[in-house]
Amino acid sequence: MADAKHLAIIGQGVEVWNEWVKDADTKPDLSGANLANVNLLYAFLVDTDLSNANLTQANLGGACLDAANLRM
């Protein structure tokens, strides 16, 4: 289950997320999140847990997904 704090941060937009994740001392957890139709253009999602997340129609153009968990 996604971390509520992490969901709130991604909900503020990619710029806020990218700033936060640079200095985060924890692995980002968006597992099981409903990110359908969310604009994640150029999001830094390295090592983020996106397992079981709904990414239907999410804009992932230019997103960095290195080592991200995308398992369903």
N, C-alpha and C. Protein backbone atom coordinates (compact mmCIF):
# COMPACT_ATOMS: atom_id res chain seq x y z
N MET A 1 0.85 -1.19 0.00
CA MET A 1 0.00 0.00 0.00
C MET A 1 0.88 1.24 0.00
N ALA A 2 0.52 2.18 -0.81
CA ALA A 2 1.30 3.41 -0.96
C ALA A 2 1.39 4.18 0.36
N ASP A 3 2.50 4.83 0.53
CA ASP A 3 2.71 5.70 1.68
C ASP A 3 1.87 6.97 1.47
N ALA A 4 1.03 7.33 2.41
CA ALA A 4 0.14 8.48 2.28
C ALA A 4 0.91 9.78 2.04
N LYS A 5 2.05 9.93 2.69
CA LYS A 5 2.87 11.13 2.49
C LYS A 5 3.39 11.19 1.06
N HIS A 6 3.80 10.05 0.53
CA HIS A 6 4.33 10.01 -0.83
C HIS A 6 3.23 10.31 -1.84
N LEU A 7 2.03 9.81 -1.59
CA LEU A 7 0.89 10.11 -2.46
C LEU A 7 0.56 11.61 -2.45
N ALA A 8 0.62 12.20 -1.28
CA ALA A 8 0.35 13.64 -1.17
C ALA A 8 1.38 14.44 -1.95
N ILE A 9 2.62 14.01 -1.91
CA ILE A 9 3.69 14.75 -2.61
C ILE A 9 3.53 14.62 -4.11
N ILE A 10 3.31 13.41 -4.63
CA ILE A 10 3.13 13.24 -6.07
C ILE A 10 1.88 13.99 -6.54
N GLY A 11 0.90 14.10 -5.65
CA GLY A 11 -0.33 14.83 -5.98
C GLY A 11 -0.10 16.33 -6.16
N GLN A 12 1.02 16.84 -5.68
CA GLN A 12 1.35 18.26 -5.83
C GLN A 12 2.04 18.54 -7.16
N GLY A 13 2.35 17.49 -7.90
CA GLY A 13 2.94 17.66 -9.22
C GLY A 13 4.37 17.15 -9.29
N VAL A 14 4.82 16.96 -10.51
CA VAL A 14 6.14 16.38 -10.76
C VAL A 14 7.27 17.25 -10.23
N GLU A 15 7.17 18.56 -10.36
CA GLU A 15 8.25 19.42 -9.88
C GLU A 15 8.45 19.26 -8.37
N VAL A 16 7.37 19.24 -7.63
CA VAL A 16 7.45 19.07 -6.17
C VAL A 16 8.00 17.68 -5.87
N TRP A 17 7.49 16.66 -6.56
CA TRP A 17 7.96 15.29 -6.36
C TRP A 17 9.46 15.20 -6.61
N ASN A 18 9.92 15.71 -7.75
CA ASN A 18 11.34 15.60 -8.10
C ASN A 18 12.24 16.30 -7.08
N GLU A 19 11.80 17.41 -6.56
CA GLU A 19 12.58 18.11 -5.52
C GLU A 19 12.63 17.28 -4.24
N TRP A 20 11.48 16.73 -3.84
CA TRP A 20 11.41 15.95 -2.62
C TRP A 20 12.26 14.68 -2.72
N VAL A 21 12.12 13.96 -3.84
CA VAL A 21 12.78 12.66 -3.97
C VAL A 21 14.30 12.80 -4.01
N LYS A 22 14.82 13.95 -4.44
CA LYS A 22 16.27 14.16 -4.45
C LYS A 22 16.85 14.04 -3.05
N ASP A 23 16.12 14.52 -2.07
CA ASP A 23 16.61 14.56 -0.70
C ASP A 23 15.94 13.52 0.22
N ALA A 24 15.08 12.69 -0.36
CA ALA A 24 14.36 11.70 0.46
C ALA A 24 15.33 10.69 1.05
N ASP A 25 15.09 10.34 2.29
CA ASP A 25 15.94 9.35 2.95
C ASP A 25 15.24 7.99 3.03
N THR A 26 14.19 7.84 2.24
CA THR A 26 13.43 6.60 2.21
C THR A 26 13.10 6.25 0.76
N LYS A 27 12.86 4.99 0.52
CA LYS A 27 12.49 4.53 -0.81
C LYS A 27 11.05 4.97 -1.09
N PRO A 28 10.81 5.68 -2.18
CA PRO A 28 9.45 6.11 -2.50
C PRO A 28 8.51 4.92 -2.70
N ASP A 29 7.33 5.00 -2.10
CA ASP A 29 6.36 3.91 -2.17
C ASP A 29 5.03 4.42 -2.70
N LEU A 30 4.76 4.08 -3.96
CA LEU A 30 3.47 4.40 -4.58
C LEU A 30 2.75 3.11 -4.97
N SER A 31 3.07 2.04 -4.27
CA SER A 31 2.47 0.74 -4.59
C SER A 31 0.96 0.79 -4.42
N GLY A 32 0.28 0.24 -5.41
CA GLY A 32 -1.18 0.17 -5.36
C GLY A 32 -1.89 1.49 -5.58
N ALA A 33 -1.14 2.55 -5.86
CA ALA A 33 -1.76 3.88 -6.03
C ALA A 33 -2.53 3.96 -7.35
N ASN A 34 -3.58 4.73 -7.34
CA ASN A 34 -4.33 5.00 -8.56
C ASN A 34 -3.72 6.24 -9.21
N LEU A 35 -2.86 6.02 -10.19
CA LEU A 35 -2.20 7.11 -10.90
C LEU A 35 -2.72 7.22 -12.32
N ALA A 36 -3.91 6.68 -12.56
CA ALA A 36 -4.52 6.73 -13.88
C ALA A 36 -4.71 8.18 -14.31
N ASN A 37 -4.29 8.47 -15.54
CA ASN A 37 -4.42 9.80 -16.15
C ASN A 37 -3.58 10.88 -15.48
N VAL A 38 -2.64 10.50 -14.62
CA VAL A 38 -1.79 11.47 -13.94
C VAL A 38 -0.63 11.86 -14.85
N ASN A 39 -0.30 13.14 -14.87
CA ASN A 39 0.82 13.62 -15.67
C ASN A 39 2.12 13.40 -14.89
N LEU A 40 2.89 12.40 -15.30
CA LEU A 40 4.17 12.09 -14.68
C LEU A 40 5.32 12.39 -15.64
N LEU A 41 5.09 13.32 -16.54
CA LEU A 41 6.07 13.73 -17.53
C LEU A 41 7.35 14.17 -16.83
N TYR A 42 8.46 13.50 -17.14
CA TYR A 42 9.78 13.76 -16.57
C TYR A 42 9.88 13.51 -15.07
N ALA A 43 9.01 12.67 -14.54
CA ALA A 43 9.08 12.34 -13.11
C ALA A 43 10.30 11.47 -12.84
N PHE A 44 10.95 11.72 -11.73
CA PHE A 44 12.10 10.94 -11.29
C PHE A 44 11.57 9.85 -10.37
N LEU A 45 11.38 8.67 -10.95
CA LEU A 45 10.77 7.55 -10.24
C LEU A 45 11.77 6.41 -10.00
N VAL A 46 13.04 6.75 -9.95
CA VAL A 46 14.09 5.76 -9.73
C VAL A 46 13.87 5.05 -8.40
N ASP A 47 13.90 3.74 -8.44
CA ASP A 47 13.78 2.89 -7.25
C ASP A 47 12.44 3.07 -6.52
N THR A 48 11.45 3.60 -7.21
CA THR A 48 10.12 3.79 -6.62
C THR A 48 9.32 2.49 -6.72
N ASP A 49 8.62 2.15 -5.66
CA ASP A 49 7.75 0.97 -5.68
C ASP A 49 6.42 1.38 -6.31
N LEU A 50 6.22 0.93 -7.54
CA LEU A 50 4.98 1.18 -8.27
C LEU A 50 4.21 -0.12 -8.48
N SER A 51 4.54 -1.14 -7.70
CA SER A 51 3.87 -2.42 -7.87
C SER A 51 2.37 -2.26 -7.65
N ASN A 52 1.62 -2.89 -8.53
CA ASN A 52 0.15 -2.87 -8.49
C ASN A 52 -0.45 -1.48 -8.61
N ALA A 53 0.33 -0.50 -9.03
CA ALA A 53 -0.22 0.85 -9.25
C ALA A 53 -0.98 0.87 -10.56
N ASN A 54 -2.05 1.62 -10.60
CA ASN A 54 -2.81 1.80 -11.83
C ASN A 54 -2.19 2.97 -12.60
N LEU A 55 -1.50 2.65 -13.69
CA LEU A 55 -0.84 3.67 -14.51
C LEU A 55 -1.54 3.85 -15.86
N THR A 56 -2.80 3.43 -15.93
CA THR A 56 -3.57 3.54 -17.16
C THR A 56 -3.63 5.00 -17.62
N GLN A 57 -3.19 5.21 -18.85
CA GLN A 57 -3.20 6.55 -19.47
C GLN A 57 -2.35 7.59 -18.73
N ALA A 58 -1.49 7.15 -17.81
CA ALA A 58 -0.58 8.10 -17.15
C ALA A 58 0.46 8.53 -18.18
N ASN A 59 0.84 9.79 -18.14
CA ASN A 59 1.86 10.31 -19.05
C ASN A 59 3.22 10.08 -18.41
N LEU A 60 3.95 9.09 -18.91
CA LEU A 60 5.26 8.74 -18.37
C LEU A 60 6.38 9.17 -19.31
N GLY A 61 6.07 10.06 -20.24
CA GLY A 61 7.08 10.53 -21.19
C GLY A 61 8.27 11.14 -20.46
N GLY A 62 9.45 10.68 -20.78
CA GLY A 62 10.67 11.22 -20.18
C GLY A 62 10.88 10.86 -18.72
N ALA A 63 9.98 10.05 -18.15
CA ALA A 63 10.13 9.66 -16.74
C ALA A 63 11.33 8.73 -16.60
N CYS A 64 12.02 8.85 -15.50
CA CYS A 64 13.16 7.99 -15.20
C CYS A 64 12.67 6.87 -14.28
N LEU A 65 12.65 5.66 -14.81
CA LEU A 65 12.09 4.51 -14.09
C LEU A 65 13.15 3.48 -13.73
N ASP A 66 14.42 3.87 -13.73
CA ASP A 66 15.50 2.93 -13.40
C ASP A 66 15.22 2.26 -12.04
N ALA A 67 15.30 0.95 -12.03
CA ALA A 67 15.12 0.13 -10.83
C ALA A 67 13.76 0.28 -10.16
N ALA A 68 12.79 0.89 -10.86
CA ALA A 68 11.44 1.00 -10.30
C ALA A 68 10.78 -0.38 -10.32
N ASN A 69 9.97 -0.65 -9.32
CA ASN A 69 9.23 -1.91 -9.24
C ASN A 69 7.89 -1.69 -9.95
N LEU A 70 7.74 -2.32 -11.11
CA LEU A 70 6.52 -2.18 -11.92
C LEU A 70 5.71 -3.47 -11.97
N ARG A 71 5.94 -4.34 -11.01
CA ARG A 71 5.22 -5.63 -11.01
C ARG A 71 3.74 -5.43 -10.73
N MET A 72 2.96 -6.31 -11.36
CA MET A 72 1.51 -6.30 -11.13
C MET A 72 1.16 -7.42 -10.20
